[in-house]
Amino acid sequence: MRRPPRGLFAALGAARIVPGHGAVGGPELIASQAAYHAEVARLVRGAPGGAETRTAIRARFPGLLLEGAVESAILAHAAGAH
């Protein structure tokens, strides 16, 4: 799957964002998701492997409830998708 160009969603100018999970919000949700993915990518690059990466992400984002999201983010960033 191809990733949309960086900034595409923000450029659409949406006033309301309805995520797949979580509360409805405004454009700030796009910025917070971009920041999350940038931080996860940094953690994936900096950790030596699977268990260490998961531990680092859980420590950085202690409120994450979707374990599957952690796994998919690790796989995507490890593969260079983000």
C-alpha atoms as a PDB file:
ATOM      1  CA  MET A   1       0.000   0.000   0.000  1.00  0.00           C
ATOM      2  CA  ARG A   2       1.318   3.428  -0.914  1.00  0.00           C
ATOM      3  CA  ARG A   3       1.411   6.159   1.675  1.00  0.00           C
ATOM      4  CA  PRO A   4      -0.224   9.512   0.844  1.00  0.00           C
ATOM      5  CA  PRO A   5       2.147  12.461   0.384  1.00  0.00           C
ATOM      6  CA  ARG A   6       3.189  14.192   3.591  1.00  0.00           C
ATOM      7  CA  GLY A   7       0.870  17.073   4.410  1.00  0.00           C
ATOM      8  CA  LEU A   8      -1.947  15.877   2.154  1.00  0.00           C
ATOM      9  CA  PHE A   9      -4.557  15.513   4.878  1.00  0.00           C
ATOM     10  CA  ALA A  10      -3.707  18.834   6.495  1.00  0.00           C
ATOM     11  CA  ALA A  11      -3.887  20.526   3.073  1.00  0.00           C
ATOM     12  CA  LEU A  12      -7.485  19.318   2.639  1.00  0.00           C
ATOM     13  CA  GLY A  13      -8.517  21.840   5.285  1.00  0.00           C
ATOM     14  CA  ALA A  14     -10.943  19.617   7.164  1.00  0.00           C
ATOM     15  CA  ALA A  15     -12.589  21.219  10.170  1.00  0.00           C
ATOM     16  CA  ARG A  16     -13.630  17.890  11.690  1.00  0.00           C
ATOM     17  CA  ILE A  17     -11.675  14.618  11.745  1.00  0.00           C
ATOM     18  CA  VAL A  18     -13.433  11.324  12.504  1.00  0.00           C
ATOM     19  CA  PRO A  19     -10.723   8.755  13.283  1.00  0.00           C
ATOM     20  CA  GLY A  20     -11.218   5.006  13.170  1.00  0.00           C
ATOM     21  CA  HIS A  21     -10.989   5.039  16.959  1.00  0.00           C
ATOM     22  CA  GLY A  22     -10.822   7.793  19.519  1.00  0.00           C
ATOM     23  CA  ALA A  23     -12.738  11.013  19.826  1.00  0.00           C
ATOM     24  CA  VAL A  24     -13.814  13.220  16.946  1.00  0.00           C
ATOM     25  CA  GLY A  25     -11.655  16.327  16.766  1.00  0.00           C
ATOM     26  CA  GLY A  26     -10.210  19.001  14.569  1.00  0.00           C
ATOM     27  CA  PRO A  27      -7.068  19.356  12.464  1.00  0.00           C
ATOM     28  CA  GLU A  28      -4.936  18.948  15.588  1.00  0.00           C
ATOM     29  CA  LEU A  29      -5.575  15.197  15.314  1.00  0.00           C
ATOM     30  CA  ILE A  30      -3.550  15.124  12.096  1.00  0.00           C
ATOM     31  CA  ALA A  31      -0.628  16.863  13.799  1.00  0.00           C
ATOM     32  CA  SER A  32      -0.769  14.548  16.810  1.00  0.00           C
ATOM     33  CA  GLN A  33      -0.826  11.437  14.588  1.00  0.00           C
ATOM     34  CA  ALA A  34       2.111  12.740  12.545  1.00  0.00           C
ATOM     35  CA  ALA A  35       4.047  13.388  15.768  1.00  0.00           C
ATOM     36  CA  TYR A  36       3.192   9.903  17.058  1.00  0.00           C
ATOM     37  CA  HIS A  37       4.424   8.224  13.875  1.00  0.00           C
ATOM     38  CA  ALA A  38       7.602  10.307  13.827  1.00  0.00           C
ATOM     39  CA  GLU A  39       8.347   9.280  17.421  1.00  0.00           C
ATOM     40  CA  VAL A  40       7.568   5.605  16.762  1.00  0.00           C
ATOM     41  CA  ALA A  41       9.864   5.695  13.712  1.00  0.00           C
ATOM     42  CA  ARG A  42      12.622   7.189  15.882  1.00  0.00           C
ATOM     43  CA  LEU A  43      12.111   4.492  18.534  1.00  0.00           C
ATOM     44  CA  VAL A  44      12.137   1.709  15.924  1.00  0.00           C
ATOM     45  CA  ARG A  45      15.409   3.026  14.464  1.00  0.00           C
ATOM     46  CA  GLY A  46      16.959   3.361  17.929  1.00  0.00           C
ATOM     47  CA  ALA A  47      15.999   0.019  19.443  1.00  0.00           C
ATOM     48  CA  PRO A  48      18.015  -3.120  18.770  1.00  0.00           C
ATOM     49  CA  GLY A  49      15.046  -5.412  18.175  1.00  0.00           C
ATOM     50  CA  GLY A  50      11.462  -6.507  18.699  1.00  0.00           C
ATOM     51  CA  ALA A  51      11.075  -6.741  22.475  1.00  0.00           C
ATOM     52  CA  GLU A  52      13.184  -3.640  23.107  1.00  0.00           C
ATOM     53  CA  THR A  53      11.183  -1.685  20.535  1.00  0.00           C
ATOM     54  CA  ARG A  54       7.861  -2.680  22.107  1.00  0.00           C
ATOM     55  CA  THR A  55       9.153  -1.741  25.565  1.00  0.00           C
ATOM     56  CA  ALA A  56      10.366   1.650  24.318  1.00  0.00           C
ATOM     57  CA  ILE A  57       7.037   2.438  22.629  1.00  0.00           C
ATOM     58  CA  ARG A  58       5.005   1.370  25.668  1.00  0.00           C
ATOM     59  CA  ALA A  59       7.224   3.476  27.938  1.00  0.00           C
ATOM     60  CA  ARG A  60       6.892   6.523  25.671  1.00  0.00           C
ATOM     61  CA  PHE A  61       3.118   6.101  25.183  1.00  0.00           C
ATOM     62  CA  PRO A  62       1.867   4.458  28.407  1.00  0.00           C
ATOM     63  CA  GLY A  63      -1.807   5.058  27.615  1.00  0.00           C
ATOM     64  CA  LEU A  64      -1.846   3.112  24.352  1.00  0.00           C
ATOM     65  CA  LEU A  65      -4.597   0.550  24.506  1.00  0.00           C
ATOM     66  CA  LEU A  66      -4.422  -0.962  21.017  1.00  0.00           C
ATOM     67  CA  GLU A  67      -1.676  -3.564  21.104  1.00  0.00           C
ATOM     68  CA  GLY A  68      -2.278  -4.276  17.426  1.00  0.00           C
ATOM     69  CA  ALA A  69      -1.500  -0.648  16.630  1.00  0.00           C
ATOM     70  CA  VAL A  70       1.909  -0.993  18.289  1.00  0.00           C
ATOM     71  CA  GLU A  71       2.675  -4.099  16.250  1.00  0.00           C
ATOM     72  CA  SER A  72       1.532  -2.597  12.948  1.00  0.00           C
ATOM     73  CA  ALA A  73       3.493   0.600  13.592  1.00  0.00           C
ATOM     74  CA  ILE A  74       6.656  -1.387  14.341  1.00  0.00           C
ATOM     75  CA  LEU A  75       6.257  -3.397  11.146  1.00  0.00           C
ATOM     76  CA  ALA A  76       5.515  -0.327   9.032  1.00  0.00           C
ATOM     77  CA  HIS A  77       8.408   1.712  10.370  1.00  0.00           C
ATOM     78  CA  ALA A  78      10.836  -1.200  10.275  1.00  0.00           C
ATOM     79  CA  ALA A  79       9.918  -1.688   6.605  1.00  0.00           C
ATOM     80  CA  GLY A  80      10.390   2.025   5.926  1.00  0.00           C
ATOM     81  CA  ALA A  81       6.733   2.684   5.146  1.00  0.00           C
ATOM     82  CA  HIS A  82       6.580   5.886   7.219  1.00  0.00           C
END
